[in-house]
Amino acid sequence: MIDIREKAQGDMTIVELAGKLDASTTPSVQEHLLKMIQEGKKYLVLDFGGVTYLASSGLRMLLLVVRQVNKLEGGLVLCRLTGTMRDTLEVTGFLPYFIVVPTPEEAVRKLAP
């Protein structure tokens, strides 16, 4: 199970995730995020502070979401990744596709116009 919480901050939305992001939970997170984007929320901060596991399905979902946001000329920033999650993004070659910062506050500053 994964918990998804949204917090609006101006034109940005902070999405707090908590739980495991694996094959069973990724589809619901993907559906939630794509719906947000379709509703016009194109500046997203994904807060991984509560995520305890990131599977390959979660990585694929992140690529899909960043591509959708980029099509709309929006922005996506990842924050509070564990060292293992960041290493996984780096080893898979996915890290260059994302802006990764330590805190939600810094993520908001990165997205600010």
C-alpha atoms as a PDB file:
ATOM      1  CA  MET A   1       0.000   0.000   0.000  1.00  0.00           C
ATOM      2  CA  ILE A   2       1.093   3.546  -0.665  1.00  0.00           C
ATOM      3  CA  ASP A   3      -0.268   6.792   0.710  1.00  0.00           C
ATOM      4  CA  ILE A   4      -0.500   9.848  -1.573  1.00  0.00           C
ATOM      5  CA  ARG A   5      -1.031  13.324  -0.161  1.00  0.00           C
ATOM      6  CA  GLU A   6      -1.177  16.572  -2.109  1.00  0.00           C
ATOM      7  CA  LYS A   7      -0.342  20.033  -0.854  1.00  0.00           C
ATOM      8  CA  ALA A   8      -0.885  23.026  -3.109  1.00  0.00           C
ATOM      9  CA  GLN A   9       1.694  25.782  -2.915  1.00  0.00           C
ATOM     10  CA  GLY A  10       0.876  28.494  -5.431  1.00  0.00           C
ATOM     11  CA  ASP A  11       1.103  26.991  -8.919  1.00  0.00           C
ATOM     12  CA  MET A  12       2.998  24.004  -7.535  1.00  0.00           C
ATOM     13  CA  THR A  13       1.764  20.800  -5.973  1.00  0.00           C
ATOM     14  CA  ILE A  14       3.823  18.872  -3.449  1.00  0.00           C
ATOM     15  CA  VAL A  15       2.969  15.177  -3.630  1.00  0.00           C
ATOM     16  CA  GLU A  16       4.016  13.284  -0.521  1.00  0.00           C
ATOM     17  CA  LEU A  17       4.407   9.555  -1.033  1.00  0.00           C
ATOM     18  CA  ALA A  18       4.615   7.028   1.807  1.00  0.00           C
ATOM     19  CA  GLY A  19       5.019   3.268   1.509  1.00  0.00           C
ATOM     20  CA  LYS A  20       6.463   0.947  -1.111  1.00  0.00           C
ATOM     21  CA  LEU A  21       6.512   2.001  -4.738  1.00  0.00           C
ATOM     22  CA  ASP A  22       6.418  -1.434  -6.350  1.00  0.00           C
ATOM     23  CA  ALA A  23       4.533  -3.358  -9.047  1.00  0.00           C
ATOM     24  CA  SER A  24       1.350  -3.464  -6.985  1.00  0.00           C
ATOM     25  CA  THR A  25       1.279   0.230  -5.989  1.00  0.00           C
ATOM     26  CA  THR A  26       2.870   1.966  -8.973  1.00  0.00           C
ATOM     27  CA  PRO A  27      -0.234   1.808 -11.224  1.00  0.00           C
ATOM     28  CA  SER A  28      -2.360   3.749  -8.716  1.00  0.00           C
ATOM     29  CA  VAL A  29       0.371   6.365  -8.205  1.00  0.00           C
ATOM     30  CA  GLN A  30       0.821   6.710 -11.963  1.00  0.00           C
ATOM     31  CA  GLU A  31      -2.921   7.113 -12.487  1.00  0.00           C
ATOM     32  CA  HIS A  32      -3.082   9.725  -9.716  1.00  0.00           C
ATOM     33  CA  LEU A  33      -0.159  11.753 -11.083  1.00  0.00           C
ATOM     34  CA  LEU A  34      -1.334  11.618 -14.704  1.00  0.00           C
ATOM     35  CA  LYS A  35      -4.801  12.762 -13.619  1.00  0.00           C
ATOM     36  CA  MET A  36      -3.213  15.700 -11.786  1.00  0.00           C
ATOM     37  CA  ILE A  37      -1.276  16.627 -14.929  1.00  0.00           C
ATOM     38  CA  GLN A  38      -4.426  16.370 -17.065  1.00  0.00           C
ATOM     39  CA  GLU A  39      -6.126  18.735 -14.607  1.00  0.00           C
ATOM     40  CA  GLY A  40      -3.412  21.301 -15.331  1.00  0.00           C
ATOM     41  CA  LYS A  41      -1.086  20.664 -12.397  1.00  0.00           C
ATOM     42  CA  LYS A  42       2.188  20.727 -14.295  1.00  0.00           C
ATOM     43  CA  TYR A  43       4.594  21.879 -11.559  1.00  0.00           C
ATOM     44  CA  LEU A  44       5.109  18.915  -9.260  1.00  0.00           C
ATOM     45  CA  VAL A  45       7.355  18.144  -6.322  1.00  0.00           C
ATOM     46  CA  LEU A  46       7.489  14.438  -5.521  1.00  0.00           C
ATOM     47  CA  ASP A  47       8.482  13.983  -1.894  1.00  0.00           C
ATOM     48  CA  PHE A  48       9.927  10.497  -1.348  1.00  0.00           C
ATOM     49  CA  GLY A  49      10.489  11.026   2.383  1.00  0.00           C
ATOM     50  CA  GLY A  50       8.052   8.253   3.287  1.00  0.00           C
ATOM     51  CA  VAL A  51       8.940   5.834   0.488  1.00  0.00           C
ATOM     52  CA  THR A  52      10.621   2.701   1.798  1.00  0.00           C
ATOM     53  CA  TYR A  53      11.154   0.878  -1.508  1.00  0.00           C
ATOM     54  CA  LEU A  54      11.445   1.913  -5.172  1.00  0.00           C
ATOM     55  CA  ALA A  55      11.077  -0.876  -7.747  1.00  0.00           C
ATOM     56  CA  SER A  56      11.780  -0.756 -11.478  1.00  0.00           C
ATOM     57  CA  SER A  57       8.068  -0.187 -12.111  1.00  0.00           C
ATOM     58  CA  GLY A  58       8.365   3.004 -10.057  1.00  0.00           C
ATOM     59  CA  LEU A  59      11.319   4.137 -12.151  1.00  0.00           C
ATOM     60  CA  ARG A  60       9.362   3.618 -15.381  1.00  0.00           C
ATOM     61  CA  MET A  61       6.446   5.553 -13.917  1.00  0.00           C
ATOM     62  CA  LEU A  62       8.734   8.454 -13.011  1.00  0.00           C
ATOM     63  CA  LEU A  63      10.024   8.612 -16.593  1.00  0.00           C
ATOM     64  CA  LEU A  64       6.483   8.659 -17.943  1.00  0.00           C
ATOM     65  CA  VAL A  65       5.452  11.430 -15.540  1.00  0.00           C
ATOM     66  CA  VAL A  66       8.490  13.628 -16.259  1.00  0.00           C
ATOM     67  CA  ARG A  67       7.873  13.275 -19.999  1.00  0.00           C
ATOM     68  CA  GLN A  68       4.240  14.319 -19.601  1.00  0.00           C
ATOM     69  CA  VAL A  69       5.187  17.323 -17.471  1.00  0.00           C
ATOM     70  CA  ASN A  70       7.894  18.342 -19.941  1.00  0.00           C
ATOM     71  CA  LYS A  71       5.421  18.179 -22.856  1.00  0.00           C
ATOM     72  CA  LEU A  72       3.378  20.832 -21.043  1.00  0.00           C
ATOM     73  CA  GLU A  73       6.502  22.883 -20.308  1.00  0.00           C
ATOM     74  CA  GLY A  74       6.023  22.279 -16.608  1.00  0.00           C
ATOM     75  CA  GLY A  75       8.482  21.008 -14.042  1.00  0.00           C
ATOM     76  CA  LEU A  76       9.086  17.991 -11.845  1.00  0.00           C
ATOM     77  CA  VAL A  77      11.477  17.870  -8.898  1.00  0.00           C
ATOM     78  CA  LEU A  78      12.200  14.845  -6.715  1.00  0.00           C
ATOM     79  CA  CYS A  79      13.167  15.320  -3.083  1.00  0.00           C
ATOM     80  CA  ARG A  80      14.104  13.345   0.013  1.00  0.00           C
ATOM     81  CA  LEU A  81      15.322  10.315  -1.934  1.00  0.00           C
ATOM     82  CA  THR A  82      17.293   7.815   0.089  1.00  0.00           C
ATOM     83  CA  GLY A  83      20.881   7.174  -0.957  1.00  0.00           C
ATOM     84  CA  THR A  84      19.835   3.818  -2.382  1.00  0.00           C
ATOM     85  CA  MET A  85      17.074   5.390  -4.474  1.00  0.00           C
ATOM     86  CA  ARG A  86      19.421   8.039  -5.821  1.00  0.00           C
ATOM     87  CA  ASP A  87      22.045   5.364  -6.576  1.00  0.00           C
ATOM     88  CA  THR A  88      19.413   3.331  -8.431  1.00  0.00           C
ATOM     89  CA  LEU A  89      18.511   6.348 -10.576  1.00  0.00           C
ATOM     90  CA  GLU A  90      22.201   6.908 -11.286  1.00  0.00           C
ATOM     91  CA  VAL A  91      23.085   3.279 -12.100  1.00  0.00           C
ATOM     92  CA  THR A  92      20.083   2.920 -14.433  1.00  0.00           C
ATOM     93  CA  GLY A  93      21.009   6.119 -16.254  1.00  0.00           C
ATOM     94  CA  PHE A  94      17.748   7.835 -15.245  1.00  0.00           C
ATOM     95  CA  LEU A  95      19.255  10.484 -12.965  1.00  0.00           C
ATOM     96  CA  PRO A  96      19.922  13.049 -15.751  1.00  0.00           C
ATOM     97  CA  TYR A  97      16.175  13.153 -16.516  1.00  0.00           C
ATOM     98  CA  PHE A  98      15.345  14.534 -13.077  1.00  0.00           C
ATOM     99  CA  ILE A  99      16.071  17.429 -10.791  1.00  0.00           C
ATOM    100  CA  VAL A 100      16.831  15.910  -7.382  1.00  0.00           C
ATOM    101  CA  VAL A 101      17.180  18.017  -4.231  1.00  0.00           C
ATOM    102  CA  PRO A 102      17.331  17.197  -0.520  1.00  0.00           C
ATOM    103  CA  THR A 103      14.218  19.004   0.775  1.00  0.00           C
ATOM    104  CA  PRO A 104      10.707  19.985  -0.335  1.00  0.00           C
ATOM    105  CA  GLU A 105      11.570  23.625   0.345  1.00  0.00           C
ATOM    106  CA  GLU A 106      14.507  23.495  -2.043  1.00  0.00           C
ATOM    107  CA  ALA A 107      12.325  21.694  -4.605  1.00  0.00           C
ATOM    108  CA  VAL A 108       9.780  24.533  -4.457  1.00  0.00           C
ATOM    109  CA  ARG A 109      12.586  27.071  -4.991  1.00  0.00           C
ATOM    110  CA  LYS A 110      13.806  25.103  -8.039  1.00  0.00           C
ATOM    111  CA  LEU A 111      10.332  25.229  -9.593  1.00  0.00           C
ATOM    112  CA  ALA A 112       9.649  28.866  -8.815  1.00  0.00           C
ATOM    113  CA  PRO A 113       9.622  31.070 -11.928  1.00  0.00           C
END
